[in-house]
Amino acid sequence: MNPPTSLPIYLRISELLAREIAAGHLLDGERLPPERDLAVRFRISVGTLRKALAELTRQGLLERRQGSGNYVCARADAQNLYAFFR
């Protein structure tokens, strides 16, 4: 059994993706897999995934393009905890 966490799932997913960006596993300009595929990967609903992606967009780590997809924006001025370590 997993220990309970105080962070909502969408924030945990956004932090996980932020760590992947900070570690260089997701590169600047790289297109993320389709939302449905990411939702299956993380075992969450598409709605929850979209909240996580919206949080990354707010932090400046992701650019969402209608009809095209989600793209990494690994900017130095991103407002994420992990940007501090870059």
C-alpha atoms as a PDB file:
ATOM      1  CA  MET A   1       0.000   0.000   0.000  1.00  0.00           C
ATOM      2  CA  ASN A   2       1.342   3.441  -0.942  1.00  0.00           C
ATOM      3  CA  PRO A   3       1.646   6.075   1.782  1.00  0.00           C
ATOM      4  CA  PRO A   4      -0.843   8.937   1.463  1.00  0.00           C
ATOM      5  CA  THR A   5       0.401  12.191   0.014  1.00  0.00           C
ATOM      6  CA  SER A   6      -0.910  15.682   0.501  1.00  0.00           C
ATOM      7  CA  LEU A   7      -0.423  16.783  -3.117  1.00  0.00           C
ATOM      8  CA  PRO A   8      -3.276  16.285  -5.584  1.00  0.00           C
ATOM      9  CA  ILE A   9      -2.558  13.806  -8.380  1.00  0.00           C
ATOM     10  CA  TYR A  10      -2.385  16.484 -11.077  1.00  0.00           C
ATOM     11  CA  LEU A  11       0.350  18.320  -9.122  1.00  0.00           C
ATOM     12  CA  ARG A  12       2.302  15.092  -8.621  1.00  0.00           C
ATOM     13  CA  ILE A  13       2.142  14.428 -12.368  1.00  0.00           C
ATOM     14  CA  SER A  14       3.169  17.997 -13.237  1.00  0.00           C
ATOM     15  CA  GLU A  15       6.142  17.743 -10.839  1.00  0.00           C
ATOM     16  CA  LEU A  16       7.122  14.395 -12.339  1.00  0.00           C
ATOM     17  CA  LEU A  17       7.106  15.888 -15.839  1.00  0.00           C
ATOM     18  CA  ALA A  18       8.980  18.955 -14.566  1.00  0.00           C
ATOM     19  CA  ARG A  19      11.692  16.654 -13.192  1.00  0.00           C
ATOM     20  CA  GLU A  20      11.917  14.900 -16.570  1.00  0.00           C
ATOM     21  CA  ILE A  21      12.374  18.287 -18.255  1.00  0.00           C
ATOM     22  CA  ALA A  22      14.964  19.418 -15.686  1.00  0.00           C
ATOM     23  CA  ALA A  23      16.893  16.160 -16.102  1.00  0.00           C
ATOM     24  CA  GLY A  24      16.976  16.555 -19.887  1.00  0.00           C
ATOM     25  CA  HIS A  25      14.769  13.525 -20.579  1.00  0.00           C
ATOM     26  CA  LEU A  26      12.314  15.877 -22.305  1.00  0.00           C
ATOM     27  CA  LEU A  27      14.091  18.443 -24.451  1.00  0.00           C
ATOM     28  CA  ASP A  28      13.213  22.011 -25.353  1.00  0.00           C
ATOM     29  CA  GLY A  29      10.879  21.997 -28.349  1.00  0.00           C
ATOM     30  CA  GLU A  30      10.103  18.301 -28.036  1.00  0.00           C
ATOM     31  CA  ARG A  31       6.488  17.296 -28.595  1.00  0.00           C
ATOM     32  CA  LEU A  32       4.941  15.247 -25.800  1.00  0.00           C
ATOM     33  CA  PRO A  33       3.076  12.038 -26.615  1.00  0.00           C
ATOM     34  CA  PRO A  34      -0.685  12.399 -27.180  1.00  0.00           C
ATOM     35  CA  GLU A  35      -2.705  13.199 -24.058  1.00  0.00           C
ATOM     36  CA  ARG A  36      -4.506   9.853 -24.111  1.00  0.00           C
ATOM     37  CA  ASP A  37      -1.184   7.994 -24.194  1.00  0.00           C
ATOM     38  CA  LEU A  38       0.171  10.042 -21.277  1.00  0.00           C
ATOM     39  CA  ALA A  39      -3.020   9.456 -19.298  1.00  0.00           C
ATOM     40  CA  VAL A  40      -2.644   5.693 -19.805  1.00  0.00           C
ATOM     41  CA  ARG A  41       1.061   5.880 -18.841  1.00  0.00           C
ATOM     42  CA  PHE A  42       0.249   7.631 -15.557  1.00  0.00           C
ATOM     43  CA  ARG A  43      -3.006   5.679 -14.993  1.00  0.00           C
ATOM     44  CA  ILE A  44      -5.080   8.847 -14.675  1.00  0.00           C
ATOM     45  CA  SER A  45      -7.993  10.389 -16.538  1.00  0.00           C
ATOM     46  CA  VAL A  46      -7.412  12.717 -19.474  1.00  0.00           C
ATOM     47  CA  GLY A  47      -9.054  15.497 -17.429  1.00  0.00           C
ATOM     48  CA  THR A  48      -6.527  15.074 -14.621  1.00  0.00           C
ATOM     49  CA  LEU A  49      -3.684  15.004 -17.145  1.00  0.00           C
ATOM     50  CA  ARG A  50      -4.954  18.233 -18.702  1.00  0.00           C
ATOM     51  CA  LYS A  51      -4.869  19.907 -15.278  1.00  0.00           C
ATOM     52  CA  ALA A  52      -1.245  18.780 -14.897  1.00  0.00           C
ATOM     53  CA  LEU A  53      -0.370  20.114 -18.360  1.00  0.00           C
ATOM     54  CA  ALA A  54      -2.112  23.410 -17.577  1.00  0.00           C
ATOM     55  CA  GLU A  55       0.039  23.710 -14.449  1.00  0.00           C
ATOM     56  CA  LEU A  56       3.207  23.146 -16.496  1.00  0.00           C
ATOM     57  CA  THR A  57       2.013  25.761 -18.977  1.00  0.00           C
ATOM     58  CA  ARG A  58       1.457  28.208 -16.128  1.00  0.00           C
ATOM     59  CA  GLN A  59       5.004  27.532 -14.923  1.00  0.00           C
ATOM     60  CA  GLY A  60       6.425  28.208 -18.374  1.00  0.00           C
ATOM     61  CA  LEU A  61       7.619  24.641 -18.960  1.00  0.00           C
ATOM     62  CA  LEU A  62       5.104  23.705 -21.621  1.00  0.00           C
ATOM     63  CA  GLU A  63       3.481  25.294 -24.645  1.00  0.00           C
ATOM     64  CA  ARG A  64       0.097  23.937 -25.649  1.00  0.00           C
ATOM     65  CA  ARG A  65      -0.790  24.330 -29.330  1.00  0.00           C
ATOM     66  CA  GLN A  66      -4.416  23.717 -30.251  1.00  0.00           C
ATOM     67  CA  GLY A  67      -4.650  20.872 -32.760  1.00  0.00           C
ATOM     68  CA  SER A  68      -0.895  20.249 -32.722  1.00  0.00           C
ATOM     69  CA  GLY A  69       0.017  19.034 -29.247  1.00  0.00           C
ATOM     70  CA  ASN A  70       2.048  19.939 -26.199  1.00  0.00           C
ATOM     71  CA  TYR A  71       5.645  21.088 -26.534  1.00  0.00           C
ATOM     72  CA  VAL A  72       8.405  21.418 -23.949  1.00  0.00           C
ATOM     73  CA  CYS A  73       9.645  24.937 -23.221  1.00  0.00           C
ATOM     74  CA  ALA A  74      12.727  24.383 -21.062  1.00  0.00           C
ATOM     75  CA  ARG A  75      13.196  28.064 -20.296  1.00  0.00           C
ATOM     76  CA  ALA A  76      15.645  29.371 -17.726  1.00  0.00           C
ATOM     77  CA  ASP A  77      12.960  31.625 -16.207  1.00  0.00           C
ATOM     78  CA  ALA A  78      10.480  28.810 -15.554  1.00  0.00           C
ATOM     79  CA  GLN A  79       8.709  29.139 -12.209  1.00  0.00           C
ATOM     80  CA  ASN A  80       9.123  25.559 -11.116  1.00  0.00           C
ATOM     81  CA  LEU A  81      10.901  24.200  -8.072  1.00  0.00           C
ATOM     82  CA  TYR A  82      13.264  22.233 -10.292  1.00  0.00           C
ATOM     83  CA  ALA A  83      14.218  25.309 -12.337  1.00  0.00           C
ATOM     84  CA  PHE A  84      16.176  26.386  -9.250  1.00  0.00           C
ATOM     85  CA  PHE A  85      18.577  23.471  -9.791  1.00  0.00           C
ATOM     86  CA  ARG A  86      19.327  24.174 -13.465  1.00  0.00           C
END
